[in-house]
Amino acid sequence: MIPLYCTSCGKELCVRDELLGNLVRCPICEAVFTAQMGMEPPPTPYNLAFEPPPVRIGARGSEVEPYSAADPKPLAGPWPRRTGRAIRSDGMAADRGALILALGIAGLVASGCVIPGWILGNIATRMGTADIDRMNRGLMDPSGRGMTMVGRICGIIAVILSTLSSLAAIFVLVMYLIHVI
């Protein structure tokens, strides 16, 4: 088997020795070409050298800064790296009060099923605590403080109800086993 490249699509193919000098068909692009020893891949129509596009800086990409190899921070693409949170124009993170409230209420609804109640309640409690702390430090928009606090409280109650639900299930199971045995 001899490795060679399709002259049309550049895919590497393996051809039996006896087919050298004959016409072969590429199984990928269906192109027909003569199999020759030492075939190289066709040149690409574009440059493969790494040259990142310019990075947008400022409001709505008004300014463009070219890539600099001396820049110590690596670029992940033609956009500034996201922090994971929506940032308002004044630099504060947007609040997640509605999400935390929804998670807290879902935890309350699911608290009869132990594991979903614990998971949803714990997520609402942790997110609510972290967001209230950010609001107190002035890093997050305080307009959603009420929903965040209510969602956090619902999450705490969901964890407590899920724990009580699991204890009640264990108690019923023990009582059933005592009466059966």
Protein backbone atom coordinates (compact mmCIF):
# COMPACT_ATOMS: atom_id res chain seq x y z
CA MET A 1 0.00 0.00 0.00
CA ILE A 2 1.35 3.41 -1.02
CA PRO A 3 0.07 6.63 0.54
CA LEU A 4 -0.91 9.40 -1.87
CA TYR A 5 -3.20 12.41 -1.91
CA CYS A 6 -6.28 13.17 -3.99
CA THR A 7 -5.54 15.98 -6.43
CA SER A 8 -9.00 17.45 -5.91
CA CYS A 9 -9.85 17.30 -2.21
CA GLY A 10 -6.39 16.59 -0.73
CA LYS A 11 -7.56 13.54 1.26
CA GLU A 12 -4.79 11.03 2.00
CA LEU A 13 -5.49 7.67 0.36
CA CYS A 14 -3.70 4.32 0.37
CA VAL A 15 -3.38 2.60 -3.02
CA ARG A 16 -2.10 -0.92 -3.83
CA ASP A 17 1.28 -1.06 -5.57
CA GLU A 18 -0.11 -2.56 -8.77
CA LEU A 19 -2.39 0.49 -9.33
CA LEU A 20 0.51 2.95 -9.75
CA GLY A 21 0.29 4.68 -13.12
CA ASN A 22 -3.41 3.84 -13.51
CA LEU A 23 -6.46 6.03 -13.10
CA VAL A 24 -8.02 5.83 -9.61
CA ARG A 25 -11.18 7.37 -8.17
CA CYS A 26 -11.21 9.21 -4.84
CA PRO A 27 -13.87 7.65 -2.54
CA ILE A 28 -14.52 11.04 -0.92
CA CYS A 29 -14.97 13.49 -3.80
CA GLU A 30 -15.28 11.02 -6.72
CA ALA A 31 -12.45 12.76 -8.62
CA VAL A 32 -10.44 10.63 -11.07
CA PHE A 33 -6.63 11.04 -11.23
CA THR A 34 -3.48 9.07 -12.06
CA ALA A 35 -1.84 7.37 -9.07
CA GLN A 36 1.84 8.34 -8.97
CA MET A 37 4.60 7.67 -6.49
CA GLY A 38 5.40 10.55 -4.12
CA MET A 39 2.24 12.58 -4.71
CA GLU A 40 1.97 15.62 -2.46
CA PRO A 41 -1.27 17.16 -1.23
CA PRO A 42 -2.57 19.96 -3.44
CA PRO A 43 -1.74 23.48 -2.25
CA THR A 44 -4.46 25.10 -0.19
CA PRO A 45 -6.04 28.23 -1.63
CA TYR A 46 -5.59 30.02 1.68
CA ASN A 47 -2.71 30.72 4.03
CA LEU A 48 -2.46 28.28 6.95
CA ALA A 49 -0.20 30.52 9.04
CA PHE A 50 -1.76 31.58 12.34
CA GLU A 51 -2.73 35.21 12.15
CA PRO A 52 -5.55 36.10 14.54
CA PRO A 53 -8.04 38.75 13.53
CA PRO A 54 -8.09 42.11 15.33
CA VAL A 55 -9.72 42.32 18.74
CA ARG A 56 -12.68 44.59 19.29
CA ILE A 57 -12.29 47.04 22.13
CA GLY A 58 -14.72 49.63 23.43
CA ALA A 59 -18.45 50.07 23.15
CA ARG A 60 -20.01 48.26 20.19
CA GLY A 61 -16.59 47.53 18.66
CA SER A 62 -15.86 51.19 17.85
CA GLU A 63 -12.11 50.77 18.18
CA VAL A 64 -9.99 47.95 16.78
CA GLU A 65 -6.63 46.95 18.18
CA PRO A 66 -4.38 44.75 16.02
CA TYR A 67 -2.87 41.58 17.45
CA SER A 68 0.54 42.01 18.96
CA ALA A 69 2.92 39.10 19.57
CA ALA A 70 4.37 41.03 22.53
CA ASP A 71 0.95 41.09 24.20
CA PRO A 72 1.23 38.91 27.35
CA LYS A 73 -2.42 37.82 27.40
CA PRO A 74 -3.36 35.10 24.92
CA LEU A 75 -6.27 35.76 22.60
CA ALA A 76 -9.06 33.23 22.37
CA GLY A 77 -10.59 34.78 19.28
CA PRO A 78 -11.65 38.05 17.71
CA TRP A 79 -13.75 38.99 20.74
CA PRO A 80 -12.89 39.95 24.31
CA ARG A 81 -13.05 37.09 26.78
CA ARG A 82 -16.43 36.82 28.52
CA THR A 83 -16.54 36.69 32.27
CA GLY A 84 -19.64 34.49 32.31
CA ARG A 85 -21.97 37.24 33.50
CA ALA A 86 -23.80 39.96 31.63
CA ILE A 87 -22.13 43.30 32.36
CA ARG A 88 -24.13 46.49 32.30
CA SER A 89 -22.82 49.75 30.91
CA ASP A 90 -21.87 50.96 34.41
CA GLY A 91 -19.63 47.90 34.94
CA MET A 92 -21.92 46.04 37.37
CA ALA A 93 -23.03 42.46 36.73
CA ALA A 94 -26.72 41.96 35.95
CA ASP A 95 -28.77 40.36 38.71
CA ARG A 96 -30.05 36.77 38.48
CA GLY A 97 -32.97 37.18 40.87
CA ALA A 98 -35.58 35.63 38.58
CA LEU A 99 -33.43 32.56 37.97
CA ILE A 100 -32.72 32.09 41.67
CA LEU A 101 -36.41 32.52 42.53
CA ALA A 102 -37.38 29.96 39.86
CA LEU A 103 -34.82 27.47 41.21
CA GLY A 104 -36.04 28.00 44.77
CA ILE A 105 -39.68 27.46 43.82
CA ALA A 106 -38.77 24.39 41.73
CA GLY A 107 -36.88 23.06 44.76
CA LEU A 108 -39.97 23.55 46.92
CA VAL A 109 -42.16 21.74 44.39
CA ALA A 110 -39.65 18.88 44.11
CA SER A 111 -38.94 18.62 47.83
CA GLY A 112 -41.20 15.54 48.11
CA CYS A 113 -38.68 13.75 45.89
CA VAL A 114 -35.55 13.89 48.01
CA ILE A 115 -32.72 14.22 45.49
CA PRO A 116 -34.24 16.83 43.09
CA GLY A 117 -35.34 18.93 46.08
CA TRP A 118 -31.86 18.85 47.58
CA ILE A 119 -30.18 19.66 44.27
CA LEU A 120 -32.47 22.54 43.22
CA GLY A 121 -32.66 23.94 46.76
CA ASN A 122 -28.90 23.80 47.18
CA ILE A 123 -28.29 25.52 43.83
CA ALA A 124 -30.77 28.30 44.69
CA THR A 125 -29.23 28.73 48.15
CA ARG A 126 -25.64 28.92 46.91
CA MET A 127 -26.41 31.22 43.98
CA GLY A 128 -28.55 33.47 46.18
CA THR A 129 -25.86 33.73 48.86
CA ALA A 130 -23.16 34.54 46.30
CA ASP A 131 -25.32 37.14 44.53
CA ILE A 132 -26.36 38.88 47.75
CA ASP A 133 -22.69 39.06 48.72
CA ARG A 134 -21.84 40.62 45.33
CA MET A 135 -24.70 43.09 45.73
CA ASN A 136 -23.41 44.09 49.17
CA ARG A 137 -19.94 44.68 47.72
CA GLY A 138 -21.35 46.78 44.86
CA LEU A 139 -20.34 44.37 42.10
CA MET A 140 -23.89 43.38 41.07
CA ASP A 141 -27.05 45.28 40.26
CA PRO A 142 -29.05 45.53 43.53
CA SER A 143 -32.43 45.89 41.78
CA GLY A 144 -33.07 42.12 42.01
CA ARG A 145 -32.22 41.83 45.71
CA GLY A 146 -35.80 41.00 46.74
CA MET A 147 -36.24 38.15 44.27
CA THR A 148 -32.75 36.86 45.10
CA MET A 149 -33.49 36.80 48.84
CA VAL A 150 -36.89 35.12 48.36
CA GLY A 151 -35.33 32.52 46.01
CA ARG A 152 -32.57 31.85 48.54
CA ILE A 153 -35.10 31.39 51.35
CA CYS A 154 -37.18 29.06 49.14
CA GLY A 155 -34.01 27.07 48.46
CA ILE A 156 -33.24 26.76 52.17
CA ILE A 157 -36.80 25.61 52.87
CA ALA A 158 -36.59 23.12 49.97
CA VAL A 159 -33.42 21.59 51.43
CA ILE A 160 -35.04 21.33 54.88
CA LEU A 161 -38.24 19.77 53.47
CA SER A 162 -36.22 17.32 51.37
CA THR A 163 -34.25 16.29 54.45
CA LEU A 164 -37.45 15.84 56.46
CA SER A 165 -38.96 13.88 53.58
CA SER A 166 -35.98 11.52 53.52
CA LEU A 167 -36.13 11.07 57.31
CA ALA A 168 -39.86 10.32 57.11
CA ALA A 169 -39.24 7.76 54.38
CA ILE A 170 -36.55 6.07 56.49
CA PHE A 171 -38.88 6.05 59.51
CA VAL A 172 -41.73 4.48 57.52
CA LEU A 173 -39.35 1.87 56.09
CA VAL A 174 -38.03 0.97 59.56
CA MET A 175 -41.56 0.73 60.99
CA TYR A 176 -42.64 -1.47 58.10
CA LEU A 177 -39.66 -3.77 58.58
CA ILE A 178 -40.31 -4.02 62.34
CA HIS A 179 -43.94 -5.07 61.77
CA VAL A 180 -43.05 -7.50 58.98
CA ILE A 181 -40.34 -9.23 60.97
